[in-house]
Amino acid sequence: MLSSSGVRRSLLPRSAYKVLEGAEPVMVDGGEGVRLTGAYTAQKTQPASRGLAVLFHGWEGSVDSTYVLQTGSRLLDDGWDIFRLNFRDHGESHSLNEALFHSCRLDEVVHAMGDIARRWPSRSLALAGFSLGGNFALRVAMKAPEAGIPLSYALAVCPIIDPSEGLFSLEESAPWFYQAYFMNKWRHSLRAKQAAFPHREYFELQELKQNLRGLTEALVLRHTDFGSLQAYLDGYSVAGSALANMQIPTTILTARDDPVIPVDAFEKLELPSNVELDISPYGGHCGFIRGWDMTSFCDDYIAARFNAIAHAAA
């Protein structure tokens, strides 16, 4: 709860927002006319940059989510240039692309990563994502070699592994306020999308009153070619052996007490030797808060692994 709360924002030290200083708003190419937004911040602490760190937010988050800013600021201090990417329909970008965001829009994110890598070449390109962004990070890392993206390393924090299990968990076993929080943000986002393209009918008003599963299914059937909710959920699953052929060095960090993503899905993963699975006893969902200053253990964790990759490249 604390991870995304206003309480945390007010208690965090000013250094957690350093990545905002001198940040350059950027439009990136998602391919086939798709435009995605982001923000680039160049490091100023080292004579030469350690590399480029790309950060993916979670579902209904943005480049300005607290966890993204805090991680970006920590890496900036260590000499990394930072690129924070918004997914389609996130971060006030609803008017850029007429079609709705959904979690299987992987190709545009891979294309955007390629555009970022070309425009800001670096000796090390590292990627970190949180929750749904962690799921995207794992899938981008799988696609990176064939797409010609020089990705050095990927790290996924509390990523969605089996979406069908995660959707059920958020509805049935997670505390009620988790679903209420996400549904409130999602409904607000859908209304913003409708306002941006009034000639389109993205949803019927009664559909907005449904629960997470019902609204997801309605939008999948209305706006995608998957044919069923289960086919859509399978479309972005990384469960079982889906990551067995991962070529990029990768770390997956999660917490056993995460109420949103069941730990069972992580324990069933079939992973190659270059993929590290780290399950912490505590941490919640993308929280890992250390103390009353509201800073996260996750920042040091990501920085240590990114810095090791940069050191090896040097």
Protein backbone atom coordinates (compact mmCIF):
# COMPACT_ATOMS: atom_id res chain seq x y z
CA MET A 1 0.00 0.00 0.00
CA LEU A 2 2.77 2.41 0.93
CA SER A 3 4.63 1.87 -2.34
CA SER A 4 2.32 4.09 -4.43
CA SER A 5 0.84 6.22 -1.66
CA GLY A 6 0.90 9.99 -1.28
CA VAL A 7 2.38 9.43 2.17
CA ARG A 8 5.45 7.90 0.59
CA ARG A 9 5.80 10.74 -1.91
CA SER A 10 5.78 13.30 0.88
CA LEU A 11 8.34 11.45 3.03
CA LEU A 12 10.86 10.51 0.34
CA PRO A 13 14.07 12.58 0.30
CA ARG A 14 14.51 15.14 -2.49
CA SER A 15 17.21 12.96 -4.01
CA ALA A 16 14.49 10.50 -5.05
CA TYR A 17 13.31 13.03 -7.66
CA LYS A 18 16.68 14.02 -9.09
CA VAL A 19 15.91 12.27 -12.39
CA LEU A 20 13.33 15.00 -13.09
CA GLU A 21 16.02 17.68 -13.19
CA GLY A 22 16.93 18.39 -16.79
CA ALA A 23 14.69 15.58 -18.08
CA GLU A 24 13.95 15.88 -21.79
CA PRO A 25 10.43 14.88 -22.98
CA VAL A 26 10.80 12.53 -25.93
CA MET A 27 8.59 10.93 -28.57
CA VAL A 28 9.74 7.50 -29.72
CA ASP A 29 8.81 5.38 -32.70
CA GLY A 30 6.72 2.30 -31.95
CA GLY A 31 6.54 1.27 -35.62
CA GLU A 32 3.60 1.36 -38.03
CA GLY A 33 2.75 4.92 -37.03
CA VAL A 34 2.61 4.20 -33.30
CA ARG A 35 4.04 6.97 -31.10
CA LEU A 36 5.09 6.47 -27.49
CA THR A 37 6.28 9.09 -25.04
CA GLY A 38 9.15 9.04 -22.60
CA ALA A 39 11.75 11.12 -20.80
CA TYR A 40 15.54 11.12 -21.13
CA THR A 41 17.92 12.38 -18.43
CA ALA A 42 21.68 12.53 -19.01
CA GLN A 43 23.95 11.77 -16.05
CA LYS A 44 26.38 14.43 -14.82
CA THR A 45 28.24 12.66 -12.02
CA GLN A 46 30.81 10.72 -14.07
CA PRO A 47 33.26 11.80 -16.81
CA ALA A 48 31.59 9.21 -19.04
CA SER A 49 28.24 7.49 -18.72
CA ARG A 50 28.13 3.90 -17.43
CA GLY A 51 25.42 3.20 -19.97
CA LEU A 52 21.74 3.74 -20.67
CA ALA A 53 19.16 2.45 -18.20
CA VAL A 54 15.63 2.05 -19.57
CA LEU A 55 12.77 1.83 -17.06
CA PHE A 56 9.27 0.40 -17.62
CA HIS A 57 6.43 1.35 -15.25
CA GLY A 58 3.57 -0.93 -14.20
CA TRP A 59 -0.06 -1.05 -15.30
CA GLU A 60 -1.68 2.40 -15.02
CA GLY A 61 1.62 3.84 -13.82
CA SER A 62 3.79 6.21 -15.81
CA VAL A 63 7.28 7.65 -16.17
CA ASP A 64 6.44 9.77 -13.11
CA SER A 65 5.45 6.89 -10.82
CA THR A 66 7.28 7.06 -7.50
CA TYR A 67 9.13 3.77 -7.96
CA VAL A 68 10.30 4.79 -11.44
CA LEU A 69 11.56 8.19 -10.26
CA GLN A 70 13.31 6.72 -7.25
CA THR A 71 15.05 3.98 -9.23
CA GLY A 72 15.96 6.40 -12.02
CA SER A 73 17.42 8.89 -9.54
CA ARG A 74 19.49 6.18 -7.84
CA LEU A 75 20.95 5.02 -11.16
CA LEU A 76 21.53 8.62 -12.27
CA ASP A 77 23.68 9.15 -9.17
CA ASP A 78 25.74 6.12 -10.19
CA GLY A 79 26.48 7.58 -13.63
CA TRP A 80 23.74 6.03 -15.77
CA ASP A 81 21.78 7.95 -18.37
CA ILE A 82 18.09 7.27 -17.83
CA PHE A 83 15.24 6.69 -20.26
CA ARG A 84 11.75 6.31 -18.77
CA LEU A 85 9.23 4.94 -21.30
CA ASN A 86 5.45 5.32 -21.19
CA PHE A 87 3.40 2.50 -22.62
CA ARG A 88 0.52 3.42 -24.94
CA ASP A 89 -2.31 5.25 -23.10
CA HIS A 90 -0.14 5.86 -20.02
CA GLY A 91 1.27 9.14 -18.76
CA GLU A 92 -1.33 11.39 -20.41
CA SER A 93 -0.58 9.96 -23.86
CA HIS A 94 -4.13 8.82 -24.65
CA SER A 95 -4.50 11.11 -27.66
CA LEU A 96 -1.43 9.84 -29.55
CA ASN A 97 -2.73 6.48 -30.82
CA GLU A 98 -6.36 5.68 -31.59
CA ALA A 99 -6.30 1.98 -30.70
CA LEU A 100 -6.47 1.02 -27.03
CA PHE A 101 -3.53 -0.23 -25.00
CA HIS A 102 -3.48 -3.88 -24.06
CA SER A 103 -0.80 -6.09 -22.60
CA CYS A 104 -0.09 -8.01 -25.81
CA ARG A 105 1.15 -4.91 -27.65
CA LEU A 106 4.72 -6.16 -27.42
CA ASP A 107 5.88 -5.31 -30.95
CA GLU A 108 5.55 -1.55 -30.45
CA VAL A 109 7.55 -1.70 -27.21
CA VAL A 110 10.29 -3.76 -28.88
CA HIS A 111 10.34 -1.27 -31.77
CA ALA A 112 10.55 1.62 -29.31
CA MET A 113 13.49 -0.04 -27.54
CA GLY A 114 15.25 -0.29 -30.89
CA ASP A 115 14.60 3.40 -31.54
CA ILE A 116 15.93 4.31 -28.08
CA ALA A 117 19.06 2.19 -28.57
CA ARG A 118 19.78 3.86 -31.92
CA ARG A 119 19.23 7.41 -30.70
CA TRP A 120 21.21 7.05 -27.47
CA PRO A 121 23.92 4.47 -28.21
CA SER A 122 25.87 3.34 -25.15
CA ARG A 123 28.38 0.69 -24.17
CA SER A 124 25.80 -0.89 -21.82
CA LEU A 125 22.03 -0.98 -22.33
CA ALA A 126 20.14 -2.25 -19.28
CA LEU A 127 16.40 -2.60 -18.78
CA ALA A 128 14.31 -2.76 -15.59
CA GLY A 129 10.54 -3.09 -15.34
CA PHE A 130 8.01 -3.27 -12.55
CA SER A 131 4.89 -5.48 -12.34
CA LEU A 132 3.34 -5.43 -15.85
CA GLY A 133 6.44 -3.49 -16.89
CA GLY A 134 8.49 -6.39 -15.55
CA ASN A 135 6.49 -8.75 -17.73
CA PHE A 136 7.17 -6.50 -20.73
CA ALA A 137 10.86 -6.34 -19.80
CA LEU A 138 11.12 -10.15 -19.86
CA ARG A 139 9.37 -10.38 -23.22
CA VAL A 140 11.46 -7.55 -24.71
CA ALA A 141 14.62 -9.35 -23.53
CA MET A 142 13.42 -12.52 -25.26
CA LYS A 143 12.92 -10.59 -28.51
CA ALA A 144 16.00 -8.35 -28.29
CA PRO A 145 18.56 -10.56 -30.09
CA GLU A 146 16.39 -11.16 -33.17
CA ALA A 147 15.35 -7.49 -33.22
CA GLY A 148 19.00 -6.39 -33.22
CA ILE A 149 18.70 -4.55 -29.89
CA PRO A 150 22.07 -4.55 -28.06
CA LEU A 151 20.50 -5.27 -24.66
CA SER A 152 23.10 -6.18 -22.03
CA TYR A 153 20.83 -7.10 -19.12
CA ALA A 154 17.20 -7.13 -17.97
CA LEU A 155 15.70 -7.05 -14.49
CA ALA A 156 12.02 -7.63 -13.69
CA VAL A 157 10.59 -6.63 -10.31
CA CYS A 158 7.45 -8.52 -9.25
CA PRO A 159 6.56 -9.25 -12.89
CA ILE A 160 3.24 -10.74 -13.94
CA ILE A 161 4.06 -14.36 -14.77
CA ASP A 162 0.75 -16.11 -15.40
CA PRO A 163 -1.85 -13.40 -16.16
CA SER A 164 -4.84 -15.71 -15.69
CA GLU A 165 -3.60 -16.63 -12.21
CA GLY A 166 -2.67 -13.02 -11.43
CA LEU A 167 -6.08 -11.72 -12.51
CA PHE A 168 -7.78 -14.27 -10.28
CA SER A 169 -5.48 -13.41 -7.39
CA LEU A 170 -6.20 -9.68 -7.63
CA GLU A 171 -9.93 -10.41 -7.57
CA GLU A 172 -10.15 -13.25 -5.09
CA SER A 173 -7.23 -13.33 -2.67
CA ALA A 174 -5.66 -9.86 -2.62
CA PRO A 175 -7.14 -7.29 -0.18
CA TRP A 176 -10.16 -5.56 -1.72
CA PHE A 177 -8.47 -2.17 -1.94
CA TYR A 178 -5.91 -3.46 -4.49
CA GLN A 179 -8.60 -4.15 -7.08
CA ALA A 180 -10.40 -0.91 -6.15
CA TYR A 181 -7.17 1.06 -6.65
CA PHE A 182 -6.39 -0.42 -10.07
CA MET A 183 -9.99 -0.33 -11.29
CA ASN A 184 -10.37 3.34 -10.35
CA LYS A 185 -7.21 4.24 -12.28
CA TRP A 186 -8.21 2.06 -15.26
CA ARG A 187 -11.70 3.55 -15.53
CA HIS A 188 -10.20 7.05 -15.39
CA SER A 189 -7.79 6.09 -18.19
CA LEU A 190 -10.58 4.66 -20.35
CA ARG A 191 -12.64 7.82 -19.95
CA ALA A 192 -9.59 9.88 -20.97
CA LYS A 193 -9.22 7.69 -24.07
CA GLN A 194 -12.88 8.17 -24.97
CA ALA A 195 -12.56 11.94 -24.56
CA ALA A 196 -9.50 11.97 -26.85
CA PHE A 197 -11.34 10.09 -29.64
CA PRO A 198 -15.06 10.92 -29.24
CA HIS A 199 -15.93 9.38 -32.62
CA ARG A 200 -14.92 5.92 -31.35
CA GLU A 201 -16.99 3.78 -28.99
CA TYR A 202 -14.39 2.11 -26.77
CA PHE A 203 -16.87 0.80 -24.21
CA GLU A 204 -20.48 0.91 -23.11
CA LEU A 205 -21.21 2.65 -19.82
CA GLN A 206 -22.48 -0.52 -18.15
CA GLU A 207 -19.21 -2.26 -19.01
CA LEU A 208 -17.31 0.21 -16.81
CA LYS A 209 -19.32 -1.07 -13.83
CA GLN A 210 -18.00 -4.61 -14.21
CA ASN A 211 -15.20 -6.12 -12.14
CA LEU A 212 -11.64 -6.54 -13.40
CA ARG A 213 -12.30 -9.84 -15.17
CA GLY A 214 -15.57 -8.69 -16.72
CA LEU A 215 -14.24 -5.39 -18.06
CA THR A 216 -11.06 -7.03 -19.36
CA GLU A 217 -13.10 -9.65 -21.22
CA ALA A 218 -15.47 -7.04 -22.69
CA LEU A 219 -12.59 -4.95 -24.05
CA VAL A 220 -10.69 -8.00 -25.35
CA LEU A 221 -13.72 -9.20 -27.30
CA ARG A 222 -14.51 -5.70 -28.56
CA HIS A 223 -11.03 -4.49 -29.50
CA THR A 224 -8.76 -7.48 -30.19
CA ASP A 225 -8.69 -10.58 -32.38
CA PHE A 226 -7.99 -13.02 -29.55
CA GLY A 227 -11.53 -14.40 -29.47
CA SER A 228 -11.54 -15.18 -25.75
CA LEU A 229 -10.24 -13.80 -22.49
CA GLN A 230 -8.08 -16.87 -21.91
CA ALA A 231 -6.40 -16.55 -25.32
CA TYR A 232 -5.55 -12.93 -24.53
CA LEU A 233 -4.14 -13.78 -21.09
CA ASP A 234 -2.07 -16.59 -22.60
CA GLY A 235 -0.75 -14.06 -25.11
CA TYR A 236 1.41 -12.29 -22.54
CA SER A 237 2.13 -15.16 -20.18
CA VAL A 238 5.77 -15.95 -19.38
CA ALA A 239 4.86 -18.95 -17.22
CA GLY A 240 6.35 -22.44 -17.27
CA SER A 241 9.02 -22.84 -19.93
CA ALA A 242 8.29 -19.58 -21.80
CA LEU A 243 11.66 -18.11 -20.73
CA ALA A 244 13.69 -21.28 -21.28
CA ASN A 245 15.41 -19.87 -24.38
CA MET A 246 16.29 -16.49 -22.87
CA GLN A 247 19.68 -15.36 -24.23
CA ILE A 248 20.04 -12.09 -22.28
CA PRO A 249 21.37 -12.19 -18.69
CA THR A 250 18.29 -11.55 -16.58
CA THR A 251 17.18 -11.25 -12.97
CA ILE A 252 13.67 -11.74 -11.61
CA LEU A 253 13.05 -10.25 -8.17
CA THR A 254 9.83 -10.90 -6.29
CA ALA A 255 8.51 -11.19 -2.75
CA ARG A 256 6.88 -14.19 -1.15
CA ASP A 257 4.31 -11.91 0.50
CA ASP A 258 3.31 -10.15 -2.74
CA PRO A 259 -0.53 -10.09 -2.58
CA VAL A 260 -0.91 -9.32 -6.30
CA ILE A 261 1.37 -11.84 -8.06
CA PRO A 262 1.21 -15.35 -6.50
CA VAL A 263 4.65 -16.75 -5.67
CA ASP A 264 3.66 -20.21 -6.94
CA ALA A 265 4.00 -19.02 -10.52
CA PHE A 266 7.65 -18.08 -9.91
CA GLU A 267 8.47 -21.41 -8.29
CA LYS A 268 7.13 -23.26 -11.35
CA LEU A 269 9.32 -21.35 -13.84
CA GLU A 270 11.74 -23.37 -15.98
CA LEU A 271 14.72 -21.03 -16.30
CA PRO A 272 18.12 -21.28 -18.03
CA SER A 273 21.32 -20.68 -16.08
CA ASN A 274 21.61 -17.04 -17.20
CA VAL A 275 18.29 -16.12 -15.52
CA GLU A 276 18.49 -15.43 -11.79
CA LEU A 277 15.33 -15.89 -9.68
CA ASP A 278 15.43 -14.09 -6.32
CA ILE A 279 12.45 -14.52 -3.97
CA SER A 280 12.55 -12.26 -0.92
CA PRO A 281 10.52 -13.23 2.17
CA TYR A 282 9.07 -9.71 2.33
CA GLY A 283 8.57 -6.73 0.06
CA GLY A 284 4.94 -6.68 -0.96
CA HIS A 285 4.18 -5.73 -4.56
CA CYS A 286 7.11 -3.67 -5.89
CA GLY A 287 7.55 -2.13 -2.43
CA PHE A 288 10.64 -3.47 -0.60
CA ILE A 289 10.42 -0.41 1.68
CA ARG A 290 13.28 -0.32 4.18
CA GLY A 291 12.17 2.13 6.85
CA TRP A 292 10.45 5.35 7.80
CA ASP A 293 12.25 7.33 5.08
CA MET A 294 10.21 5.25 2.57
CA THR A 295 13.24 4.44 0.41
CA SER A 296 13.28 1.04 -1.26
CA PHE A 297 15.82 -1.75 -1.02
CA CYS A 298 15.00 -2.36 -4.68
CA ASP A 299 16.94 0.73 -5.81
CA ASP A 300 20.24 -0.52 -4.39
CA TYR A 301 19.45 -4.01 -5.68
CA ILE A 302 18.95 -2.79 -9.26
CA ALA A 303 21.94 -0.43 -9.07
CA ALA A 304 24.29 -3.18 -7.87
CA ARG A 305 23.38 -5.46 -10.77
CA PHE A 306 23.38 -2.70 -13.38
CA ASN A 307 26.78 -1.48 -12.16
CA ALA A 308 28.20 -5.02 -12.36
CA ILE A 309 27.08 -5.21 -15.99
CA ALA A 310 28.68 -1.82 -16.75
CA HIS A 311 31.90 -2.88 -15.03
CA ALA A 312 32.05 -6.07 -17.10
CA ALA A 313 31.48 -4.08 -20.29
CA ALA A 314 34.27 -1.66 -19.36
